[in-house]
Amino acid sequence: MGDKILLFIPGYNCEKQIIRVLNQLNEEIMEYISEIIFVNNRSTDNTEKAVLEYKEKNKNIPLHILRNDDNYNLGGSHKVAFSYAKDNNFDYVIVLHGDDQGDIKDLLPLLKNKEYKKYDCLLGARFMKGSKLGGYSKFRTFGNRVYNLLFSIVVHKRIYDLGSGLNMYSTKMLENNFYHKFPDRLTFNYCMILATNYYKHNIKFFPISWREDDQVSNVKLTSQACNVLSMLFKYFVNHKYINSEFREKIIDNYTSQEVLDE
């Protein structure tokens, strides 16, 4: 029997892109996917309606739509999905962002040769050899490479990306909920990188295709850059910093409700 793999697609106000993401799920990909959850983080546009219409037209796709009980941001949506994966006995969870910047086909070679079994997590990397970047400014590319270098120095391992929209995690890695106090905002993935160092997780980066067309970025570059530098410095001084409370709002349980067909 093959591994039970969950595909988690987080989404917020991505009605223009989400169908393109779902259309990536062809027969070749679905050979490896047991179930899909689209986690709607309280979108204010027609994202949820678009996914419901797709589900109605593609009843052969094992898709469930979850709506967060509050706006948990991207990090909080990860926590919803990780709990779902563990509660439902999945072996692995793939993360594919709903804004159509990444392509799940980049993960196919690692699924086919079962290399994913050797690692606690596979992390898509926009800035390593073999990757393709479209519509990404030279300034942002330079900034990301600088931060990747800084993180590499601190964790003593080559870091190629601090957080792309295509990753794969073993649920065994997630068992102790080490990520629960991590930020609910976009910096969630930065903490995940530091945690892989602290908990000695076995990780592998792989090249991906990445593009920016009609997506709307939620990154506030200056404030996030300062926050990340502060986080990295504190971890450098004391690795136990990773066990701190990073959240602005304390949430005991990240809950959601399944959205049924209209």
Foldseek 3Di string as FASTA:
>chain_A
DDFAEEEEEEDAQQLVQQVVQVVLCDPLNVVRYNAYEYEYQPHPDCNVVSVLVVCVVCVVHRYWYKYWPHRLEQQLSVVQVLVVCVVVVGFKYKFAYRNPFFHCVLCSVCVVVVVCVVFQKEAEACADPPAAEAPDDPVVNVVQVVVQVLLCVLLVHRGRGQDDRIMMGGSVVCVVVLLLLAESYPCSSNLVSLVCSVVVTGYHYGHTYGYDDPDDDPDPDPVVVVVSVVVSVVCSVPVCCSSDRHYPDDDPDGDIDIDDRD
